[in-house]
Amino acid sequence: MEHPEFAELAEYTQSLVNELLEDGSNEEKDHTIEHHFSSPNFDTLEKAAIVAFKQGFDVEEPEEAELENGAKIFAFDIITEQPLDEELLLDEVKKMLELASQTGVDYDGWGTYFEE
C-alpha cells in the first residue's frame, strides 16, 4: 500500500534531482542524502532511531530543536550515500516512510548537497 505522503515526496524528489543536475551537480559522484525524522516525544524518536540502526541505517544522534511557536521537537537524520538517481531515491523514500509509519514518528523528507 502506498503512503499518502508518497506522491508529494515523489514530486519533491523529481524536482530536487532535476534542479541539482541543471545546476551542474556531478551525477557521477555519490551524494550524501539526509533523511529527516521528527517527533514531539523523545522516547518515541529514540525508539525509531534504534529500529533504524538495527535495520542497518547510519543514524545521527537525536537532537532537540525549537519550532517557531516555541514548542520543542526532537529529530534525527538517517544518512545514506548514493548516486543522484530518482528511482533509487524513491525506493529509499518508500523505506523511510515505512520506518516512520512503523515507529510513529514523522518523516520530513530528505536533502542533499551540491557535488562538484
PDB file of N, CA and C in Angstrom:
ATOM      1  N   MET A   1       0.834  -1.188   0.000  1.00  0.00           N
ATOM      2  CA  MET A   1       0.000   0.000   0.000  1.00  0.00           C
ATOM      3  C   MET A   1       0.882   1.257   0.000  1.00  0.00           C
ATOM      4  N   GLU A   2       0.504   2.218  -0.825  1.00  0.00           N
ATOM      5  CA  GLU A   2       1.307   3.434  -0.922  1.00  0.00           C
ATOM      6  C   GLU A   2       0.898   4.451   0.147  1.00  0.00           C
ATOM      7  N   HIS A   3       1.888   5.068   0.750  1.00  0.00           N
ATOM      8  CA  HIS A   3       1.640   6.077   1.788  1.00  0.00           C
ATOM      9  C   HIS A   3       1.060   7.339   1.148  1.00  0.00           C
ATOM     10  N   PRO A   4       0.147   8.015   1.862  1.00  0.00           N
ATOM     11  CA  PRO A   4      -0.453   9.235   1.318  1.00  0.00           C
ATOM     12  C   PRO A   4       0.580  10.318   0.981  1.00  0.00           C
ATOM     13  N   GLU A   5       1.676  10.377   1.758  1.00  0.00           N
ATOM     14  CA  GLU A   5       2.695  11.412   1.526  1.00  0.00           C
ATOM     15  C   GLU A   5       3.597  11.089   0.334  1.00  0.00           C
ATOM     16  N   PHE A   6       3.520   9.857  -0.181  1.00  0.00           N
ATOM     17  CA  PHE A   6       4.487   9.448  -1.203  1.00  0.00           C
ATOM     18  C   PHE A   6       4.403  10.312  -2.460  1.00  0.00           C
ATOM     19  N   ALA A   7       3.200  10.625  -2.931  1.00  0.00           N
ATOM     20  CA  ALA A   7       3.065  11.413  -4.167  1.00  0.00           C
ATOM     21  C   ALA A   7       3.762  12.767  -4.031  1.00  0.00           C
ATOM     22  N   GLU A   8       3.563  13.413  -2.898  1.00  0.00           N
ATOM     23  CA  GLU A   8       4.190  14.716  -2.662  1.00  0.00           C
ATOM     24  C   GLU A   8       5.715  14.576  -2.597  1.00  0.00           C
ATOM     25  N   LEU A   9       6.188  13.546  -1.914  1.00  0.00           N
ATOM     26  CA  LEU A   9       7.634  13.322  -1.809  1.00  0.00           C
ATOM     27  C   LEU A   9       8.235  12.925  -3.156  1.00  0.00           C
ATOM     28  N   ALA A  10       7.480  12.202  -3.966  1.00  0.00           N
ATOM     29  CA  ALA A  10       7.970  11.821  -5.298  1.00  0.00           C
ATOM     30  C   ALA A  10       8.135  13.067  -6.165  1.00  0.00           C
ATOM     31  N   GLU A  11       7.174  13.978  -6.079  1.00  0.00           N
ATOM     32  CA  GLU A  11       7.245  15.232  -6.830  1.00  0.00           C
ATOM     33  C   GLU A  11       8.449  16.063  -6.368  1.00  0.00           C
ATOM     34  N   TYR A  12       8.636  16.144  -5.045  1.00  0.00           N
ATOM     35  CA  TYR A  12       9.770  16.869  -4.469  1.00  0.00           C
ATOM     36  C   TYR A  12      11.089  16.246  -4.937  1.00  0.00           C
ATOM     37  N   THR A  13      11.157  14.912  -4.913  1.00  0.00           N
ATOM     38  CA  THR A  13      12.377  14.198  -5.315  1.00  0.00           C
ATOM     39  C   THR A  13      12.715  14.509  -6.763  1.00  0.00           C
ATOM     40  N   GLN A  14      11.735  14.407  -7.640  1.00  0.00           N
ATOM     41  CA  GLN A  14      11.960  14.687  -9.062  1.00  0.00           C
ATOM     42  C   GLN A  14      12.446  16.121  -9.252  1.00  0.00           C
ATOM     43  N   SER A  15      11.804  17.052  -8.567  1.00  0.00           N
ATOM     44  CA  SER A  15      12.154  18.463  -8.681  1.00  0.00           C
ATOM     45  C   SER A  15      13.579  18.725  -8.185  1.00  0.00           C
ATOM     46  N   LEU A  16      13.917  18.191  -7.005  1.00  0.00           N
ATOM     47  CA  LEU A  16      15.242  18.436  -6.437  1.00  0.00           C
ATOM     48  C   LEU A  16      16.350  17.807  -7.286  1.00  0.00           C
ATOM     49  N   VAL A  17      16.144  16.582  -7.743  1.00  0.00           N
ATOM     50  CA  VAL A  17      17.139  15.921  -8.590  1.00  0.00           C
ATOM     51  C   VAL A  17      17.352  16.741  -9.858  1.00  0.00           C
ATOM     52  N   ASN A  18      16.258  17.166 -10.501  1.00  0.00           N
ATOM     53  CA  ASN A  18      16.374  17.965 -11.729  1.00  0.00           C
ATOM     54  C   ASN A  18      17.103  19.280 -11.481  1.00  0.00           C
ATOM     55  N   GLU A  19      16.772  19.965 -10.381  1.00  0.00           N
ATOM     56  CA  GLU A  19      17.425  21.241 -10.059  1.00  0.00           C
ATOM     57  C   GLU A  19      18.924  21.055  -9.846  1.00  0.00           C
ATOM     58  N   LEU A  20      19.296  20.018  -9.084  1.00  0.00           N
ATOM     59  CA  LEU A  20      20.718  19.782  -8.823  1.00  0.00           C
ATOM     60  C   LEU A  20      21.470  19.476 -10.112  1.00  0.00           C
ATOM     61  N   LEU A  21      20.884  18.654 -10.975  1.00  0.00           N
ATOM     62  CA  LEU A  21      21.546  18.308 -12.231  1.00  0.00           C
ATOM     63  C   LEU A  21      21.631  19.523 -13.156  1.00  0.00           C
ATOM     64  N   GLU A  22      20.563  20.315 -13.215  1.00  0.00           N
ATOM     65  CA  GLU A  22      20.584  21.534 -14.039  1.00  0.00           C
ATOM     66  C   GLU A  22      21.642  22.514 -13.547  1.00  0.00           C
ATOM     67  N   ASP A  23      21.850  22.553 -12.218  1.00  0.00           N
ATOM     68  CA  ASP A  23      22.860  23.445 -11.644  1.00  0.00           C
ATOM     69  C   ASP A  23      24.278  22.898 -11.802  1.00  0.00           C
ATOM     70  N   GLY A  24      24.398  21.668 -12.321  1.00  0.00           N
ATOM     71  CA  GLY A  24      25.719  21.109 -12.589  1.00  0.00           C
ATOM     72  C   GLY A  24      26.284  20.216 -11.504  1.00  0.00           C
ATOM     73  N   SER A  25      25.439  19.743 -10.575  1.00  0.00           N
ATOM     74  CA  SER A  25      25.931  18.803  -9.567  1.00  0.00           C
ATOM     75  C   SER A  25      26.431  17.554 -10.291  1.00  0.00           C
ATOM     76  N   ASN A  26      27.557  17.036  -9.844  1.00  0.00           N
ATOM     77  CA  ASN A  26      28.222  15.918 -10.519  1.00  0.00           C
ATOM     78  C   ASN A  26      27.440  14.619 -10.328  1.00  0.00           C
ATOM     79  N   GLU A  27      26.755  14.168 -11.390  1.00  0.00           N
ATOM     80  CA  GLU A  27      25.937  12.956 -11.264  1.00  0.00           C
ATOM     81  C   GLU A  27      26.780  11.684 -11.234  1.00  0.00           C
ATOM     82  N   GLU A  28      28.081  11.811 -11.479  1.00  0.00           N
ATOM     83  CA  GLU A  28      28.973  10.645 -11.409  1.00  0.00           C
ATOM     84  C   GLU A  28      29.363  10.327  -9.966  1.00  0.00           C
ATOM     85  N   LYS A  29      29.244  11.324  -9.075  1.00  0.00           N
ATOM     86  CA  LYS A  29      29.627  11.145  -7.673  1.00  0.00           C
ATOM     87  C   LYS A  29      28.425  10.726  -6.843  1.00  0.00           C
ATOM     88  N   ASP A  30      28.682   9.920  -5.814  1.00  0.00           N
ATOM     89  CA  ASP A  30      27.630   9.636  -4.845  1.00  0.00           C
ATOM     90  C   ASP A  30      27.342  10.915  -4.070  1.00  0.00           C
ATOM     91  N   HIS A  31      26.086  11.099  -3.720  1.00  0.00           N
ATOM     92  CA  HIS A  31      25.660  12.252  -2.934  1.00  0.00           C
ATOM     93  C   HIS A  31      25.318  11.783  -1.520  1.00  0.00           C
ATOM     94  N   THR A  32      25.577  12.636  -0.549  1.00  0.00           N
ATOM     95  CA  THR A  32      25.176  12.367   0.828  1.00  0.00           C
ATOM     96  C   THR A  32      23.709  12.748   0.945  1.00  0.00           C
ATOM     97  N   ILE A  33      22.873  11.780   1.278  1.00  0.00           N
ATOM     98  CA  ILE A  33      21.437  12.002   1.414  1.00  0.00           C
ATOM     99  C   ILE A  33      21.102  11.998   2.906  1.00  0.00           C
ATOM    100  N   GLU A  34      20.401  13.036   3.353  1.00  0.00           N
ATOM    101  CA  GLU A  34      19.982  13.124   4.750  1.00  0.00           C
ATOM    102  C   GLU A  34      18.464  13.007   4.810  1.00  0.00           C
ATOM    103  N   HIS A  35      17.984  11.919   5.383  1.00  0.00           N
ATOM    104  CA  HIS A  35      16.549  11.705   5.572  1.00  0.00           C
ATOM    105  C   HIS A  35      16.194  12.205   6.967  1.00  0.00           C
ATOM    106  N   HIS A  36      15.186  13.086   7.058  1.00  0.00           N
ATOM    107  CA  HIS A  36      14.859  13.778   8.307  1.00  0.00           C
ATOM    108  C   HIS A  36      13.627  13.167   8.995  1.00  0.00           C
ATOM    109  N   PHE A  37      13.783  12.869  10.279  1.00  0.00           N
ATOM    110  CA  PHE A  37      12.697  12.321  11.095  1.00  0.00           C
ATOM    111  C   PHE A  37      12.504  13.200  12.318  1.00  0.00           C
ATOM    112  N   SER A  38      11.238  13.302  12.795  1.00  0.00           N
ATOM    113  CA  SER A  38      10.989  14.109  13.981  1.00  0.00           C
ATOM    114  C   SER A  38       9.801  13.571  14.771  1.00  0.00           C
ATOM    115  N   SER A  39       9.745  13.998  16.027  1.00  0.00           N
ATOM    116  CA  SER A  39       8.642  13.656  16.910  1.00  0.00           C
ATOM    117  C   SER A  39       8.651  14.631  18.081  1.00  0.00           C
ATOM    118  N   PRO A  40       7.485  14.975  18.604  1.00  0.00           N
ATOM    119  CA  PRO A  40       7.466  15.806  19.806  1.00  0.00           C
ATOM    120  C   PRO A  40       7.843  14.994  21.053  1.00  0.00           C
ATOM    121  N   ASN A  41       7.887  13.670  20.922  1.00  0.00           N
ATOM    122  CA  ASN A  41       8.176  12.780  22.043  1.00  0.00           C
ATOM    123  C   ASN A  41       9.561  12.160  21.881  1.00  0.00           C
ATOM    124  N   PHE A  42      10.474  12.474  22.812  1.00  0.00           N
ATOM    125  CA  PHE A  42      11.846  11.978  22.692  1.00  0.00           C
ATOM    126  C   PHE A  42      11.919  10.458  22.734  1.00  0.00           C
ATOM    127  N   ASP A  43      11.165   9.827  23.619  1.00  0.00           N
ATOM    128  CA  ASP A  43      11.219   8.368  23.731  1.00  0.00           C
ATOM    129  C   ASP A  43      10.800   7.692  22.430  1.00  0.00           C
ATOM    130  N   THR A  44       9.743   8.195  21.816  1.00  0.00           N
ATOM    131  CA  THR A  44       9.280   7.652  20.537  1.00  0.00           C
ATOM    132  C   THR A  44      10.362   7.808  19.479  1.00  0.00           C
ATOM    133  N   LEU A  45      10.966   8.993  19.438  1.00  0.00           N
ATOM    134  CA  LEU A  45      12.017   9.256  18.447  1.00  0.00           C
ATOM    135  C   LEU A  45      13.219   8.351  18.685  1.00  0.00           C
ATOM    136  N   GLU A  46      13.610   8.204  19.948  1.00  0.00           N
ATOM    137  CA  GLU A  46      14.760   7.367  20.269  1.00  0.00           C
ATOM    138  C   GLU A  46      14.513   5.910  19.857  1.00  0.00           C
ATOM    139  N   LYS A  47      13.300   5.421  20.102  1.00  0.00           N
ATOM    140  CA  LYS A  47      12.952   4.056  19.697  1.00  0.00           C
ATOM    141  C   LYS A  47      13.039   3.901  18.180  1.00  0.00           C
ATOM    142  N   ALA A  48      12.580   4.914  17.452  1.00  0.00           N
ATOM    143  CA  ALA A  48      12.653   4.888  15.987  1.00  0.00           C
ATOM    144  C   ALA A  48      14.109   4.858  15.520  1.00  0.00           C
ATOM    145  N   ALA A  49      14.955   5.640  16.173  1.00  0.00           N
ATOM    146  CA  ALA A  49      16.382   5.667  15.821  1.00  0.00           C
ATOM    147  C   ALA A  49      17.018   4.298  16.065  1.00  0.00           C
ATOM    148  N   ILE A  50      16.631   3.643  17.146  1.00  0.00           N
ATOM    149  CA  ILE A  50      17.173   2.308  17.448  1.00  0.00           C
ATOM    150  C   ILE A  50      16.717   1.297  16.403  1.00  0.00           C
ATOM    151  N   VAL A  51      15.440   1.353  16.024  1.00  0.00           N
ATOM    152  CA  VAL A  51      14.918   0.454  14.979  1.00  0.00           C
ATOM    153  C   VAL A  51      15.695   0.674  13.679  1.00  0.00           C
ATOM    154  N   ALA A  52      15.889   1.937  13.302  1.00  0.00           N
ATOM    155  CA  ALA A  52      16.621   2.260  12.072  1.00  0.00           C
ATOM    156  C   ALA A  52      18.045   1.727  12.126  1.00  0.00           C
ATOM    157  N   PHE A  53      18.698   1.908  13.276  1.00  0.00           N
ATOM    158  CA  PHE A  53      20.067   1.417  13.450  1.00  0.00           C
ATOM    159  C   PHE A  53      20.108  -0.103  13.300  1.00  0.00           C
ATOM    160  N   LYS A  54      19.155  -0.788  13.916  1.00  0.00           N
ATOM    161  CA  LYS A  54      19.102  -2.253  13.830  1.00  0.00           C
ATOM    162  C   LYS A  54      18.822  -2.730  12.408  1.00  0.00           C
ATOM    163  N   GLN A  55      18.185  -1.864  11.598  1.00  0.00           N
ATOM    164  CA  GLN A  55      17.937  -2.195  10.192  1.00  0.00           C
ATOM    165  C   GLN A  55      19.161  -1.901   9.324  1.00  0.00           C
ATOM    166  N   GLY A  56      20.229  -1.414   9.963  1.00  0.00           N
ATOM    167  CA  GLY A  56      21.476  -1.201   9.235  1.00  0.00           C
ATOM    168  C   GLY A  56      21.697   0.208   8.720  1.00  0.00           C
ATOM    169  N   PHE A  57      20.834   1.137   9.105  1.00  0.00           N
ATOM    170  CA  PHE A  57      21.000   2.512   8.645  1.00  0.00           C
ATOM    171  C   PHE A  57      22.008   3.276   9.495  1.00  0.00           C
ATOM    172  N   ASP A  58      22.667   4.262   8.875  1.00  0.00           N
ATOM    173  CA  ASP A  58      23.587   5.165   9.554  1.00  0.00           C
ATOM    174  C   ASP A  58      22.734   6.276  10.176  1.00  0.00           C
ATOM    175  N   VAL A  59      22.577   6.221  11.506  1.00  0.00           N
ATOM    176  CA  VAL A  59      21.670   7.120  12.214  1.00  0.00           C
ATOM    177  C   VAL A  59      22.476   8.172  12.988  1.00  0.00           C
ATOM    178  N   GLU A  60      22.136   9.431  12.766  1.00  0.00           N
ATOM    179  CA  GLU A  60      22.758  10.526  13.500  1.00  0.00           C
ATOM    180  C   GLU A  60      22.147  10.599  14.902  1.00  0.00           C
ATOM    181  N   GLU A  61      22.862  11.233  15.829  1.00  0.00           N
ATOM    182  CA  GLU A  61      22.359  11.414  17.198  1.00  0.00           C
ATOM    183  C   GLU A  61      21.080  12.248  17.187  1.00  0.00           C
ATOM    184  N   PRO A  62      20.066  11.850  17.954  1.00  0.00           N
ATOM    185  CA  PRO A  62      18.859  12.684  18.065  1.00  0.00           C
ATOM    186  C   PRO A  62      19.205  14.036  18.695  1.00  0.00           C
ATOM    187  N   GLU A  63      18.508  15.068  18.234  1.00  0.00           N
ATOM    188  CA  GLU A  63      18.729  16.423  18.738  1.00  0.00           C
ATOM    189  C   GLU A  63      17.406  17.065  19.098  1.00  0.00           C
ATOM    190  N   GLU A  64      17.465  18.042  19.979  1.00  0.00           N
ATOM    191  CA  GLU A  64      16.274  18.802  20.347  1.00  0.00           C
ATOM    192  C   GLU A  64      16.292  20.121  19.583  1.00  0.00           C
ATOM    193  N   ALA A  65      15.119  20.511  19.091  1.00  0.00           N
ATOM    194  CA  ALA A  65      15.003  21.787  18.384  1.00  0.00           C
ATOM    195  C   ALA A  65      13.751  22.502  18.884  1.00  0.00           C
ATOM    196  N   GLU A  66      13.704  23.792  18.613  1.00  0.00           N
ATOM    197  CA  GLU A  66      12.529  24.562  18.997  1.00  0.00           C
ATOM    198  C   GLU A  66      11.854  25.067  17.733  1.00  0.00           C
ATOM    199  N   LEU A  67      10.542  24.857  17.640  1.00  0.00           N
ATOM    200  CA  LEU A  67       9.776  25.335  16.495  1.00  0.00           C
ATOM    201  C   LEU A  67       9.504  26.828  16.643  1.00  0.00           C
ATOM    202  N   GLU A  68       9.039  27.452  15.562  1.00  0.00           N
ATOM    203  CA  GLU A  68       8.758  28.890  15.584  1.00  0.00           C
ATOM    204  C   GLU A  68       7.762  29.264  16.683  1.00  0.00           C
ATOM    205  N   ASN A  69       6.831  28.350  16.993  1.00  0.00           N
ATOM    206  CA  ASN A  69       5.823  28.639  18.016  1.00  0.00           C
ATOM    207  C   ASN A  69       6.323  28.356  19.431  1.00  0.00           C
ATOM    208  N   GLY A  70       7.606  27.980  19.550  1.00  0.00           N
ATOM    209  CA  GLY A  70       8.201  27.739  20.858  1.00  0.00           C
ATOM    210  C   GLY A  70       8.117  26.296  21.335  1.00  0.00           C
ATOM    211  N   ALA A  71       7.361  25.466  20.621  1.00  0.00           N
ATOM    212  CA  ALA A  71       7.231  24.051  21.004  1.00  0.00           C
ATOM    213  C   ALA A  71       8.555  23.321  20.758  1.00  0.00           C
ATOM    214  N   LYS A  72       8.830  22.342  21.599  1.00  0.00           N
ATOM    215  CA  LYS A  72      10.052  21.537  21.441  1.00  0.00           C
ATOM    216  C   LYS A  72       9.748  20.340  20.552  1.00  0.00           C
ATOM    217  N   ILE A  73      10.728  19.982  19.752  1.00  0.00           N
ATOM    218  CA  ILE A  73      10.617  18.813  18.891  1.00  0.00           C
ATOM    219  C   ILE A  73      11.965  18.109  18.888  1.00  0.00           C
ATOM    220  N   PHE A  74      11.949  16.828  18.666  1.00  0.00           N
ATOM    221  CA  PHE A  74      13.173  16.042  18.633  1.00  0.00           C
ATOM    222  C   PHE A  74      13.333  15.490  17.226  1.00  0.00           C
ATOM    223  N   ALA A  75      14.583  15.394  16.774  1.00  0.00           N
ATOM    224  CA  ALA A  75      14.823  14.988  15.392  1.00  0.00           C
ATOM    225  C   ALA A  75      16.125  14.207  15.263  1.00  0.00           C
ATOM    226  N   PHE A  76      16.173  13.370  14.231  1.00  0.00           N
ATOM    227  CA  PHE A  76      17.417  12.720  13.841  1.00  0.00           C
ATOM    228  C   PHE A  76      17.405  12.532  12.335  1.00  0.00           C
ATOM    229  N   ASP A  77      18.578  12.312  11.775  1.00  0.00           N
ATOM    230  CA  ASP A  77      18.719  12.043  10.343  1.00  0.00           C
ATOM    231  C   ASP A  77      19.269  10.640  10.139  1.00  0.00           C
ATOM    232  N   ILE A  78      18.848  10.036   9.044  1.00  0.00           N
ATOM    233  CA  ILE A  78      19.478   8.823   8.540  1.00  0.00           C
ATOM    234  C   ILE A  78      20.292   9.265   7.335  1.00  0.00           C
ATOM    235  N   ILE A  79      21.562   8.877   7.318  1.00  0.00           N
ATOM    236  CA  ILE A  79      22.476   9.301   6.252  1.00  0.00           C
ATOM    237  C   ILE A  79      22.745   8.121   5.310  1.00  0.00           C
ATOM    238  N   THR A  80      22.598   8.373   4.009  1.00  0.00           N
ATOM    239  CA  THR A  80      22.970   7.372   3.005  1.00  0.00           C
ATOM    240  C   THR A  80      23.868   8.043   1.974  1.00  0.00           C
ATOM    241  N   GLU A  81      24.602   7.245   1.253  1.00  0.00           N
ATOM    242  CA  GLU A  81      25.453   7.741   0.163  1.00  0.00           C
ATOM    243  C   GLU A  81      25.024   6.997  -1.092  1.00  0.00           C
ATOM    244  N   GLN A  82      24.638   7.754  -2.117  1.00  0.00           N
ATOM    245  CA  GLN A  82      24.218   7.099  -3.352  1.00  0.00           C
ATOM    246  C   GLN A  82      24.202   8.063  -4.520  1.00  0.00           C
ATOM    247  N   PRO A  83      24.108   7.511  -5.730  1.00  0.00           N
ATOM    248  CA  PRO A  83      24.013   8.376  -6.910  1.00  0.00           C
ATOM    249  C   PRO A  83      22.739   9.220  -6.854  1.00  0.00           C
ATOM    250  N   LEU A  84      22.754  10.321  -7.537  1.00  0.00           N
ATOM    251  CA  LEU A  84      21.596  11.202  -7.620  1.00  0.00           C
ATOM    252  C   LEU A  84      20.649  10.629  -8.678  1.00  0.00           C
ATOM    253  N   ASP A  85      20.034   9.507  -8.334  1.00  0.00           N
ATOM    254  CA  ASP A  85      19.176   8.774  -9.249  1.00  0.00           C
ATOM    255  C   ASP A  85      17.758   8.750  -8.672  1.00  0.00           C
ATOM    256  N   GLU A  86      16.815   9.262  -9.440  1.00  0.00           N
ATOM    257  CA  GLU A  86      15.445   9.413  -8.945  1.00  0.00           C
ATOM    258  C   GLU A  86      14.836   8.088  -8.472  1.00  0.00           C
ATOM    259  N   GLU A  87      15.012   7.024  -9.244  1.00  0.00           N
ATOM    260  CA  GLU A  87      14.429   5.732  -8.859  1.00  0.00           C
ATOM    261  C   GLU A  87      15.020   5.203  -7.555  1.00  0.00           C
ATOM    262  N   LEU A  88      16.342   5.293  -7.405  1.00  0.00           N
ATOM    263  CA  LEU A  88      16.978   4.861  -6.161  1.00  0.00           C
ATOM    264  C   LEU A  88      16.469   5.681  -4.980  1.00  0.00           C
ATOM    265  N   LEU A  89      16.355   6.980  -5.181  1.00  0.00           N
ATOM    266  CA  LEU A  89      15.881   7.853  -4.111  1.00  0.00           C
ATOM    267  C   LEU A  89      14.429   7.546  -3.741  1.00  0.00           C
ATOM    268  N   LEU A  90      13.603   7.275  -4.734  1.00  0.00           N
ATOM    269  CA  LEU A  90      12.197   6.962  -4.448  1.00  0.00           C
ATOM    270  C   LEU A  90      12.070   5.644  -3.689  1.00  0.00           C
ATOM    271  N   ASP A  91      12.906   4.674  -4.029  1.00  0.00           N
ATOM    272  CA  ASP A  91      12.913   3.417  -3.268  1.00  0.00           C
ATOM    273  C   ASP A  91      13.287   3.690  -1.814  1.00  0.00           C
ATOM    274  N   GLU A  92      14.277   4.548  -1.632  1.00  0.00           N
ATOM    275  CA  GLU A  92      14.718   4.899  -0.281  1.00  0.00           C
ATOM    276  C   GLU A  92      13.619   5.660   0.474  1.00  0.00           C
ATOM    277  N   VAL A  93      12.943   6.566  -0.209  1.00  0.00           N
ATOM    278  CA  VAL A  93      11.851   7.326   0.409  1.00  0.00           C
ATOM    279  C   VAL A  93      10.761   6.370   0.894  1.00  0.00           C
ATOM    280  N   LYS A  94      10.436   5.362   0.089  1.00  0.00           N
ATOM    281  CA  LYS A  94       9.426   4.375   0.498  1.00  0.00           C
ATOM    282  C   LYS A  94       9.850   3.668   1.786  1.00  0.00           C
ATOM    283  N   LYS A  95      11.127   3.299   1.868  1.00  0.00           N
ATOM    284  CA  LYS A  95      11.641   2.642   3.083  1.00  0.00           C
ATOM    285  C   LYS A  95      11.547   3.573   4.285  1.00  0.00           C
ATOM    286  N   MET A  96      11.849   4.852   4.078  1.00  0.00           N
ATOM    287  CA  MET A  96      11.812   5.820   5.171  1.00  0.00           C
ATOM    288  C   MET A  96      10.375   6.061   5.632  1.00  0.00           C
ATOM    289  N   LEU A  97       9.443   6.145   4.698  1.00  0.00           N
ATOM    290  CA  LEU A  97       8.031   6.307   5.059  1.00  0.00           C
ATOM    291  C   LEU A  97       7.544   5.104   5.858  1.00  0.00           C
ATOM    292  N   GLU A  98       7.974   3.923   5.441  1.00  0.00           N
ATOM    293  CA  GLU A  98       7.585   2.696   6.145  1.00  0.00           C
ATOM    294  C   GLU A  98       8.145   2.702   7.571  1.00  0.00           C
ATOM    295  N   LEU A  99       9.402   3.086   7.712  1.00  0.00           N
ATOM    296  CA  LEU A  99      10.029   3.171   9.029  1.00  0.00           C
ATOM    297  C   LEU A  99       9.259   4.159   9.918  1.00  0.00           C
ATOM    298  N   ALA A 100       8.938   5.329   9.382  1.00  0.00           N
ATOM    299  CA  ALA A 100       8.214   6.348  10.150  1.00  0.00           C
ATOM    300  C   ALA A 100       6.840   5.827  10.559  1.00  0.00           C
ATOM    301  N   SER A 101       6.164   5.195   9.648  1.00  0.00           N
ATOM    302  CA  SER A 101       4.834   4.657   9.918  1.00  0.00           C
ATOM    303  C   SER A 101       4.889   3.572  10.998  1.00  0.00           C
ATOM    304  N   GLN A 102       5.875   2.721  10.881  1.00  0.00           N
ATOM    305  CA  GLN A 102       6.070   1.594  11.799  1.00  0.00           C
ATOM    306  C   GLN A 102       6.411   2.068  13.221  1.00  0.00           C
ATOM    307  N   THR A 103       7.109   3.180  13.339  1.00  0.00           N
ATOM    308  CA  THR A 103       7.622   3.611  14.636  1.00  0.00           C
ATOM    309  C   THR A 103       6.893   4.831  15.218  1.00  0.00           C
ATOM    310  N   GLY A 104       5.944   5.406  14.470  1.00  0.00           N
ATOM    311  CA  GLY A 104       5.149   6.515  14.996  1.00  0.00           C
ATOM    312  C   GLY A 104       5.828   7.869  15.012  1.00  0.00           C
ATOM    313  N   VAL A 105       6.815   8.061  14.134  1.00  0.00           N
ATOM    314  CA  VAL A 105       7.471   9.371  14.022  1.00  0.00           C
ATOM    315  C   VAL A 105       7.119   9.986  12.665  1.00  0.00           C
ATOM    316  N   ASP A 106       7.473  11.245  12.475  1.00  0.00           N
ATOM    317  CA  ASP A 106       7.224  11.925  11.204  1.00  0.00           C
ATOM    318  C   ASP A 106       8.459  11.825  10.318  1.00  0.00           C
ATOM    319  N   TYR A 107       8.232  11.524   9.034  1.00  0.00           N
ATOM    320  CA  TYR A 107       9.306  11.587   8.045  1.00  0.00           C
ATOM    321  C   TYR A 107       9.160  12.924   7.353  1.00  0.00           C
ATOM    322  N   ASP A 108      10.183  13.768   7.483  1.00  0.00           N
ATOM    323  CA  ASP A 108      10.119  15.131   6.973  1.00  0.00           C
ATOM    324  C   ASP A 108      10.848  15.310   5.647  1.00  0.00           C
ATOM    325  N   GLY A 109      11.051  14.208   4.909  1.00  0.00           N
ATOM    326  CA  GLY A 109      11.695  14.307   3.605  1.00  0.00           C
ATOM    327  C   GLY A 109      13.205  14.200   3.690  1.00  0.00           C
ATOM    328  N   TRP A 110      13.854  14.586   2.607  1.00  0.00           N
ATOM    329  CA  TRP A 110      15.301  14.416   2.535  1.00  0.00           C
ATOM    330  C   TRP A 110      15.934  15.646   1.898  1.00  0.00           C
ATOM    331  N   GLY A 111      17.255  15.700   2.048  1.00  0.00           N
ATOM    332  CA  GLY A 111      18.018  16.766   1.423  1.00  0.00           C
ATOM    333  C   GLY A 111      19.406  16.251   1.080  1.00  0.00           C
ATOM    334  N   THR A 112      20.120  17.005   0.285  1.00  0.00           N
ATOM    335  CA  THR A 112      21.483  16.635  -0.075  1.00  0.00           C
ATOM    336  C   THR A 112      22.271  17.900  -0.392  1.00  0.00           C
ATOM    337  N   TYR A 113      23.501  17.725  -0.808  1.00  0.00           N
ATOM    338  CA  TYR A 113      24.394  18.847  -1.100  1.00  0.00           C
ATOM    339  C   TYR A 113      24.845  18.768  -2.547  1.00  0.00           C
ATOM    340  N   PHE A 114      25.161  19.919  -3.099  1.00  0.00           N
ATOM    341  CA  PHE A 114      25.735  20.021  -4.435  1.00  0.00           C
ATOM    342  C   PHE A 114      27.114  19.346  -4.421  1.00  0.00           C
ATOM    343  N   GLU A 115      27.367  18.528  -5.422  1.00  0.00           N
ATOM    344  CA  GLU A 115      28.693  17.889  -5.549  1.00  0.00           C
ATOM    345  C   GLU A 115      29.407  18.480  -6.760  1.00  0.00           C
ATOM    346  N   GLU A 116      30.662  18.927  -6.530  1.00  0.00           N
ATOM    347  CA  GLU A 116      31.456  19.485  -7.628  1.00  0.00           C
ATOM    348  C   GLU A 116      31.781  18.423  -8.654  1.00  0.00           C
TER     349      GLU A 116
END
